[in-house]
Protein backbone atom coordinates (compact mmCIF):
# COMPACT_ATOMS: atom_id res chain seq x y z
CA UNK A 1 -7.79 35.72 -8.58
CA UNK A 2 -10.75 33.75 -9.02
CA UNK A 3 -9.38 30.08 -9.36
CA UNK A 4 -10.76 28.05 -12.71
CA UNK A 5 -12.82 25.13 -12.29
CA UNK A 6 -13.85 23.07 -14.62
CA UNK A 7 -17.22 22.53 -15.50
CA UNK A 8 -17.37 18.81 -14.23
CA UNK A 9 -16.13 20.15 -10.80
CA UNK A 10 -19.14 22.96 -11.34
CA UNK A 11 -21.70 20.05 -11.68
CA UNK A 12 -20.31 18.13 -9.36
CA UNK A 13 -20.79 20.97 -6.54
CA UNK A 14 -24.87 21.80 -8.16
CA UNK A 15 -25.52 17.99 -7.65
CA UNK A 16 -24.02 17.93 -3.91
CA UNK A 17 -25.68 21.34 -3.21
CA UNK A 18 -28.91 19.52 -4.42
CA UNK A 19 -28.03 16.43 -2.31
CA UNK A 20 -27.99 18.62 0.89
CA UNK A 21 -30.79 20.48 0.10
CA UNK A 22 -32.47 17.44 -0.01
CA UNK A 23 -31.36 15.68 3.14
CA UNK A 24 -32.08 19.00 5.26
CA UNK A 25 -35.77 18.43 3.39
CA UNK A 26 -36.04 15.01 4.99
CA UNK A 27 -35.02 12.79 1.86
CA UNK A 28 -33.44 9.52 2.34
CA UNK A 29 -29.25 9.53 1.41
CA UNK A 30 -29.73 6.26 -0.70
CA UNK A 31 -32.10 7.05 -3.23
CA UNK A 32 -31.05 10.68 -3.56
CA UNK A 33 -27.05 9.32 -4.36
CA UNK A 34 -28.92 6.72 -6.90
CA UNK A 35 -31.65 9.30 -8.35
CA UNK A 36 -28.16 12.05 -8.40
CA UNK A 37 -25.91 9.73 -9.55
CA UNK A 38 -23.12 10.38 -6.58
CA UNK A 39 -21.52 8.01 -4.16
CA UNK A 40 -21.78 9.61 -0.74
CA UNK A 41 -21.51 7.83 2.67
CA UNK A 42 -23.36 9.24 5.38
CA UNK A 43 -20.12 10.12 7.07
CA UNK A 44 -19.04 12.44 4.05
CA UNK A 45 -22.48 13.39 3.91
CA UNK A 46 -22.01 15.26 7.21
CA UNK A 47 -18.92 16.60 6.12
CA UNK A 48 -19.82 18.18 3.31
CA UNK A 49 -22.88 19.68 5.36
CA UNK A 50 -20.35 21.07 7.75
CA UNK A 51 -18.12 22.48 4.60
CA UNK A 52 -21.38 23.99 3.18
CA UNK A 53 -22.46 25.62 6.80
CA UNK A 54 -19.03 27.11 6.92
CA UNK A 55 -19.02 28.64 3.46
CA UNK A 56 -22.11 30.33 4.05
CA UNK A 57 -24.21 27.74 2.66
CA UNK A 58 -23.05 28.76 -0.76
CA UNK A 59 -22.60 26.31 -3.69
CA UNK A 60 -18.31 27.87 -3.96
CA UNK A 61 -17.88 26.13 -0.55
CA UNK A 62 -18.52 23.02 -2.49
CA UNK A 63 -16.10 23.28 -5.09
CA UNK A 64 -13.63 20.65 -5.21
CA UNK A 65 -10.02 21.86 -6.03
CA UNK A 66 -8.63 18.11 -6.13
CA UNK A 67 -10.92 17.79 -9.85
CA UNK A 68 -12.20 13.99 -9.04
CA UNK A 69 -8.62 13.08 -7.19
CA UNK A 70 -9.23 11.08 -3.94
CA UNK A 71 -7.94 13.02 -0.69
CA UNK A 72 -4.66 12.14 0.06
CA UNK A 73 -2.49 12.14 3.32
CA UNK A 74 -1.98 15.82 4.44
CA UNK A 75 1.84 16.87 6.13
CA UNK A 76 0.05 16.20 9.35
CA UNK A 77 -0.68 12.41 8.66
CA UNK A 78 2.38 12.12 6.91
CA UNK A 79 4.21 13.18 10.12
CA UNK A 80 3.03 11.12 12.03
CA UNK A 81 3.17 8.24 9.88
CA UNK A 82 7.38 8.36 9.45
CA UNK A 83 7.08 9.08 13.75
CA UNK A 84 5.34 5.77 14.54
CA UNK A 85 7.15 3.52 11.72
CA UNK A 86 10.38 4.97 12.76
CA UNK A 87 9.52 4.32 16.55
CA UNK A 88 8.04 0.55 15.47
CA UNK A 89 9.60 -0.52 12.50
CA UNK A 90 7.64 -3.69 12.83
CA UNK A 91 4.40 -2.13 12.28
CA UNK A 92 2.80 -2.86 9.43
CA UNK A 93 0.56 -0.94 6.80
CA UNK A 94 -3.29 -2.24 7.88
CA UNK A 95 -2.09 -1.64 11.66
CA UNK A 96 -1.00 2.00 10.34
CA UNK A 97 -4.17 2.73 8.44
CA UNK A 98 -6.33 1.92 11.29
CA UNK A 99 -4.81 4.04 13.41
CA UNK A 100 -4.93 6.56 11.20
CA UNK A 101 -8.78 6.63 11.32
CA UNK A 102 -8.34 6.18 15.12
CA UNK A 103 -6.60 9.69 15.34
CA UNK A 104 -7.34 11.83 11.98
CA UNK A 105 -11.15 10.33 11.59
CA UNK A 106 -9.66 10.26 7.68
CA UNK A 107 -9.43 6.55 5.45
CA UNK A 108 -5.86 6.37 3.52
CA UNK A 109 -5.59 3.10 1.68
CA UNK A 110 -2.80 0.46 2.72
CA UNK A 111 -1.12 1.29 -0.53
CA UNK A 112 -1.10 4.43 -0.34
CA UNK A 113 0.40 4.23 3.17
CA UNK A 114 3.25 1.79 2.00
CA UNK A 115 3.86 4.77 -0.68
CA UNK A 116 4.24 7.15 1.55
CA UNK A 117 6.71 5.64 3.60
CA UNK A 118 8.63 4.08 0.92
CA UNK A 119 9.46 7.71 -0.62
CA UNK A 120 11.34 7.91 3.09
CA UNK A 121 12.58 4.46 2.79
CA UNK A 122 11.09 3.23 5.74
CA UNK A 123 9.07 0.29 4.67
CA UNK A 124 9.91 -3.05 4.94
CA UNK A 125 11.14 -5.45 1.53
CA UNK A 126 8.47 -6.80 -0.21
CA UNK A 127 7.81 -10.71 -0.42
CA UNK A 128 8.65 -13.30 2.07
CA UNK A 129 12.08 -12.93 3.90
CA UNK A 130 14.82 -15.82 2.71
CA UNK A 131 15.25 -18.55 4.59
CA UNK A 132 18.56 -18.38 7.07
CA UNK A 133 20.72 -21.16 5.73
CA UNK A 134 23.13 -22.15 8.60
CA UNK A 135 26.28 -22.98 7.28
CA UNK A 136 27.43 -26.65 7.67
CA UNK A 137 30.11 -27.55 10.28
CA UNK A 138 33.23 -27.92 7.57
CA UNK A 139 35.02 -31.45 8.63
CA UNK A 140 38.91 -31.45 7.33
CA UNK A 141 39.30 -33.17 4.39
CA UNK A 142 40.35 -36.66 4.59
CA UNK A 143 44.33 -37.13 4.19
CA UNK A 144 46.00 -37.86 1.15
CA UNK A 145 46.52 -41.56 -0.06
CA UNK A 146 49.46 -42.39 -2.01
CA UNK A 147 47.82 -44.90 -4.58
CA UNK A 148 44.81 -42.36 -5.01
CA UNK A 149 43.60 -42.65 -8.72
CA UNK A 150 45.16 -45.35 -9.50
CA UNK A 151 42.05 -47.44 -10.69
CA UNK A 152 42.98 -49.03 -14.00
CA UNK A 153 46.32 -50.96 -13.37
CA UNK A 154 48.34 -51.64 -16.37
CA UNK A 155 47.21 -48.51 -18.46
CA UNK A 156 44.63 -50.79 -21.03
CA UNK A 157 46.20 -54.11 -20.25
CA UNK A 158 44.35 -57.40 -19.95
CA UNK A 159 42.88 -57.87 -16.61
CA UNK A 160 43.12 -60.81 -14.46
CA UNK A 161 40.18 -62.32 -15.70
CA UNK A 162 41.60 -62.74 -18.91
CA UNK A 163 39.62 -60.68 -21.38
CA UNK A 164 40.95 -57.67 -23.31
CA UNK A 165 37.87 -56.10 -24.40
CA UNK A 166 36.49 -54.71 -20.83
């Protein structure tokens, strides 16, 4: 059964094929990208060339089944992230992203790595940690006094100064 691709995906594959053929002819990548209105890094151009060659130099090899969505981490990368984070919980997203680039030669954004880890509850709580407040040593309450609370002698009578209006 033949897979359906929208016209936009076919147009993109056609542009990429033109780009690869003109690169082989000696054109400059930057100039071709602006002329064909595509964004391709030198690394991506090498990967596309290998994919094109492996597909028998057919445009069908350049059809993108992701329909314009960015490449996400495959199951091997996900398993690696889970394993690393379980082994060392203090690892941060940027550190893991760098390890993925070194190991798999694939760039995965830090936000996506954190999203993957959050799905399996392997991320740290966001924000700053709360300050640990140490409880103050509690002193025993003072002993009760016999006349505590008797501040107004006479219940409203005149004070010893003699004026009755206080």
